[in-house]
Amino acid sequence: MSTIELKIMKTTSKTMILLFLVLIVPVTALCATAATDRDTVETWEGSLRLFGNEPFTRVALVTDTGERWFLDMDEQELQQLWQKRRGRIRITGVPVIEEYAGREEHVIKVVKYSWIPEEK
């Protein structure tokens, strides 16, 4: 091999290593964030409300303090939940902030839910 070929190989190797490092750091940070999100399970109570206009409506839990949490769950199950709504509900899931229509929205990745019985 000539000296020029060796220099090209060294430059290419350095470039590949640099490219690898530039890509691996953000991916590692993203994975760490995702792992943290999965470990954070919380429970909220409130009532269900429908937001938006057809055909772009979204179901959300509104807490007693007025916080709005959109629900992320199986679409068919979400429709049944909305149709059978009755009073207060307790929802357990993972809180996530997602971008929707150019703004940040609070979302619950629903793990389970149960209706809160009315006290008489």
C-alpha atoms as a PDB file:
ATOM      1  CA  MET A   1       0.000   0.000   0.000  1.00  0.00           C
ATOM      2  CA  SER A   2       1.115   3.474  -0.711  1.00  0.00           C
ATOM      3  CA  THR A   3       1.375   6.277   1.820  1.00  0.00           C
ATOM      4  CA  ILE A   4      -1.653   8.010   0.325  1.00  0.00           C
ATOM      5  CA  GLU A   5      -3.775   4.876   0.679  1.00  0.00           C
ATOM      6  CA  LEU A   6      -2.749   4.527   4.342  1.00  0.00           C
ATOM      7  CA  LYS A   7      -3.627   8.164   5.061  1.00  0.00           C
ATOM      8  CA  ILE A   8      -7.035   7.709   3.420  1.00  0.00           C
ATOM      9  CA  MET A   9      -7.677   4.580   5.489  1.00  0.00           C
ATOM     10  CA  LYS A  10      -6.695   6.342   8.735  1.00  0.00           C
ATOM     11  CA  THR A  11      -8.888   9.339   7.889  1.00  0.00           C
ATOM     12  CA  THR A  12     -11.807   7.064   7.005  1.00  0.00           C
ATOM     13  CA  SER A  13     -11.368   5.107  10.247  1.00  0.00           C
ATOM     14  CA  LYS A  14     -11.306   8.274  12.306  1.00  0.00           C
ATOM     15  CA  THR A  15     -14.379   9.572  10.494  1.00  0.00           C
ATOM     16  CA  MET A  16     -16.256   6.323  11.120  1.00  0.00           C
ATOM     17  CA  ILE A  17     -15.363   6.355  14.825  1.00  0.00           C
ATOM     18  CA  LEU A  18     -16.436   9.975  15.145  1.00  0.00           C
ATOM     19  CA  LEU A  19     -19.687   9.275  13.310  1.00  0.00           C
ATOM     20  CA  PHE A  20     -20.349   6.275  15.569  1.00  0.00           C
ATOM     21  CA  LEU A  21     -19.821   8.367  18.703  1.00  0.00           C
ATOM     22  CA  VAL A  22     -21.997  11.199  17.414  1.00  0.00           C
ATOM     23  CA  LEU A  23     -24.828   8.754  16.770  1.00  0.00           C
ATOM     24  CA  ILE A  24     -24.466   6.512  19.814  1.00  0.00           C
ATOM     25  CA  VAL A  25     -24.650   9.257  22.472  1.00  0.00           C
ATOM     26  CA  PRO A  26     -28.142  10.549  21.504  1.00  0.00           C
ATOM     27  CA  VAL A  27     -29.452   7.006  21.048  1.00  0.00           C
ATOM     28  CA  THR A  28     -28.164   6.021  24.487  1.00  0.00           C
ATOM     29  CA  ALA A  29     -29.738   9.098  26.055  1.00  0.00           C
ATOM     30  CA  LEU A  30     -33.046   8.338  24.334  1.00  0.00           C
ATOM     31  CA  CYS A  31     -33.010   4.754  25.587  1.00  0.00           C
ATOM     32  CA  ALA A  32     -32.251   5.936  29.119  1.00  0.00           C
ATOM     33  CA  THR A  33     -35.185   8.346  28.983  1.00  0.00           C
ATOM     34  CA  ALA A  34     -37.517   5.655  27.648  1.00  0.00           C
ATOM     35  CA  ALA A  35     -36.416   3.270  30.392  1.00  0.00           C
ATOM     36  CA  THR A  36     -37.110   5.931  33.022  1.00  0.00           C
ATOM     37  CA  ASP A  37     -40.587   6.566  31.585  1.00  0.00           C
ATOM     38  CA  ARG A  38     -41.439   2.863  31.717  1.00  0.00           C
ATOM     39  CA  ASP A  39     -40.521   2.711  35.392  1.00  0.00           C
ATOM     40  CA  THR A  40     -42.784   5.610  36.394  1.00  0.00           C
ATOM     41  CA  VAL A  41     -46.298   4.297  36.967  1.00  0.00           C
ATOM     42  CA  GLU A  42     -48.794   6.679  38.554  1.00  0.00           C
ATOM     43  CA  THR A  43     -52.512   6.756  39.321  1.00  0.00           C
ATOM     44  CA  TRP A  44     -54.952   9.609  38.672  1.00  0.00           C
ATOM     45  CA  GLU A  45     -58.636  10.120  39.459  1.00  0.00           C
ATOM     46  CA  GLY A  46     -61.140  12.310  37.689  1.00  0.00           C
ATOM     47  CA  SER A  47     -63.708  12.248  34.921  1.00  0.00           C
ATOM     48  CA  LEU A  48     -63.518  11.628  31.191  1.00  0.00           C
ATOM     49  CA  ARG A  49     -63.982  14.475  28.728  1.00  0.00           C
ATOM     50  CA  LEU A  50     -63.917  14.695  24.949  1.00  0.00           C
ATOM     51  CA  PHE A  51     -61.683  17.377  23.376  1.00  0.00           C
ATOM     52  CA  GLY A  52     -61.405  18.562  19.788  1.00  0.00           C
ATOM     53  CA  ASN A  53     -63.770  18.504  16.835  1.00  0.00           C
ATOM     54  CA  GLU A  54     -64.907  15.544  14.763  1.00  0.00           C
ATOM     55  CA  PRO A  55     -63.171  13.660  13.284  1.00  0.00           C
ATOM     56  CA  PHE A  56     -60.208  14.707  15.455  1.00  0.00           C
ATOM     57  CA  THR A  57     -61.637  14.208  18.929  1.00  0.00           C
ATOM     58  CA  ARG A  58     -59.528  12.856  21.784  1.00  0.00           C
ATOM     59  CA  VAL A  59     -60.566  11.394  25.134  1.00  0.00           C
ATOM     60  CA  ALA A  60     -58.859  12.796  28.214  1.00  0.00           C
ATOM     61  CA  LEU A  61     -58.978  12.393  31.953  1.00  0.00           C
ATOM     62  CA  VAL A  62     -59.597  15.689  33.751  1.00  0.00           C
ATOM     63  CA  THR A  63     -58.491  15.597  37.387  1.00  0.00           C
ATOM     64  CA  ASP A  64     -60.082  17.477  40.274  1.00  0.00           C
ATOM     65  CA  THR A  65     -57.302  20.080  39.999  1.00  0.00           C
ATOM     66  CA  GLY A  66     -58.134  20.639  36.314  1.00  0.00           C
ATOM     67  CA  GLU A  67     -55.154  18.775  34.825  1.00  0.00           C
ATOM     68  CA  ARG A  68     -55.873  17.306  31.399  1.00  0.00           C
ATOM     69  CA  TRP A  69     -54.321  13.921  30.558  1.00  0.00           C
ATOM     70  CA  PHE A  70     -55.018  12.410  27.136  1.00  0.00           C
ATOM     71  CA  LEU A  71     -55.352   8.624  27.108  1.00  0.00           C
ATOM     72  CA  ASP A  72     -53.090   6.373  25.055  1.00  0.00           C
ATOM     73  CA  MET A  73     -54.595   2.898  24.833  1.00  0.00           C
ATOM     74  CA  ASP A  74     -56.101   0.459  22.357  1.00  0.00           C
ATOM     75  CA  GLU A  75     -58.496   2.460  20.162  1.00  0.00           C
ATOM     76  CA  GLN A  76     -61.374  -0.031  20.426  1.00  0.00           C
ATOM     77  CA  GLU A  77     -61.041  -0.214  24.210  1.00  0.00           C
ATOM     78  CA  LEU A  78     -60.883   3.597  24.390  1.00  0.00           C
ATOM     79  CA  GLN A  79     -64.132   3.875  22.399  1.00  0.00           C
ATOM     80  CA  GLN A  80     -65.848   1.382  24.724  1.00  0.00           C
ATOM     81  CA  LEU A  81     -64.537   3.274  27.757  1.00  0.00           C
ATOM     82  CA  TRP A  82     -65.979   6.532  26.401  1.00  0.00           C
ATOM     83  CA  GLN A  83     -69.343   4.971  25.518  1.00  0.00           C
ATOM     84  CA  LYS A  84     -69.707   3.296  28.928  1.00  0.00           C
ATOM     85  CA  ARG A  85     -68.465   6.262  30.965  1.00  0.00           C
ATOM     86  CA  ARG A  86     -70.145   6.726  34.301  1.00  0.00           C
ATOM     87  CA  GLY A  87     -68.963   9.199  36.888  1.00  0.00           C
ATOM     88  CA  ARG A  88     -65.431   9.155  38.258  1.00  0.00           C
ATOM     89  CA  ILE A  89     -62.637   6.905  37.068  1.00  0.00           C
ATOM     90  CA  ARG A  90     -59.234   5.834  38.421  1.00  0.00           C
ATOM     91  CA  ILE A  91     -56.537   5.389  35.763  1.00  0.00           C
ATOM     92  CA  THR A  92     -53.098   3.876  36.310  1.00  0.00           C
ATOM     93  CA  GLY A  93     -50.386   4.282  33.700  1.00  0.00           C
ATOM     94  CA  VAL A  94     -47.155   5.861  32.596  1.00  0.00           C
ATOM     95  CA  PRO A  95     -47.089   9.667  32.261  1.00  0.00           C
ATOM     96  CA  VAL A  96     -45.529  10.934  29.038  1.00  0.00           C
ATOM     97  CA  ILE A  97     -45.249  14.332  27.391  1.00  0.00           C
ATOM     98  CA  GLU A  98     -45.853  14.099  23.637  1.00  0.00           C
ATOM     99  CA  GLU A  99     -45.970  16.699  20.919  1.00  0.00           C
ATOM    100  CA  TYR A 100     -49.374  16.971  19.271  1.00  0.00           C
ATOM    101  CA  ALA A 101     -50.282  19.580  16.669  1.00  0.00           C
ATOM    102  CA  GLY A 102     -47.212  21.633  17.552  1.00  0.00           C
ATOM    103  CA  ARG A 103     -47.708  21.714  21.329  1.00  0.00           C
ATOM    104  CA  GLU A 104     -46.814  19.518  24.255  1.00  0.00           C
ATOM    105  CA  GLU A 105     -49.615  17.396  25.699  1.00  0.00           C
ATOM    106  CA  HIS A 106     -49.736  15.295  28.856  1.00  0.00           C
ATOM    107  CA  VAL A 107     -50.515  11.693  27.973  1.00  0.00           C
ATOM    108  CA  ILE A 108     -51.147   8.592  30.066  1.00  0.00           C
ATOM    109  CA  LYS A 109     -50.077   5.289  28.548  1.00  0.00           C
ATOM    110  CA  VAL A 110     -52.898   3.397  30.258  1.00  0.00           C
ATOM    111  CA  VAL A 111     -52.039   0.215  32.140  1.00  0.00           C
ATOM    112  CA  LYS A 112     -55.398  -0.262  33.871  1.00  0.00           C
ATOM    113  CA  TYR A 113     -58.520   1.625  34.861  1.00  0.00           C
ATOM    114  CA  SER A 114     -61.501   1.169  37.151  1.00  0.00           C
ATOM    115  CA  TRP A 115     -64.679   3.105  37.776  1.00  0.00           C
ATOM    116  CA  ILE A 116     -64.991   4.665  41.227  1.00  0.00           C
ATOM    117  CA  PRO A 117     -68.319   3.679  42.830  1.00  0.00           C
ATOM    118  CA  GLU A 118     -70.616   6.544  43.814  1.00  0.00           C
ATOM    119  CA  GLU A 119     -70.976   7.071  47.533  1.00  0.00           C
ATOM    120  CA  LYS A 120     -74.584   7.247  48.759  1.00  0.00           C
END
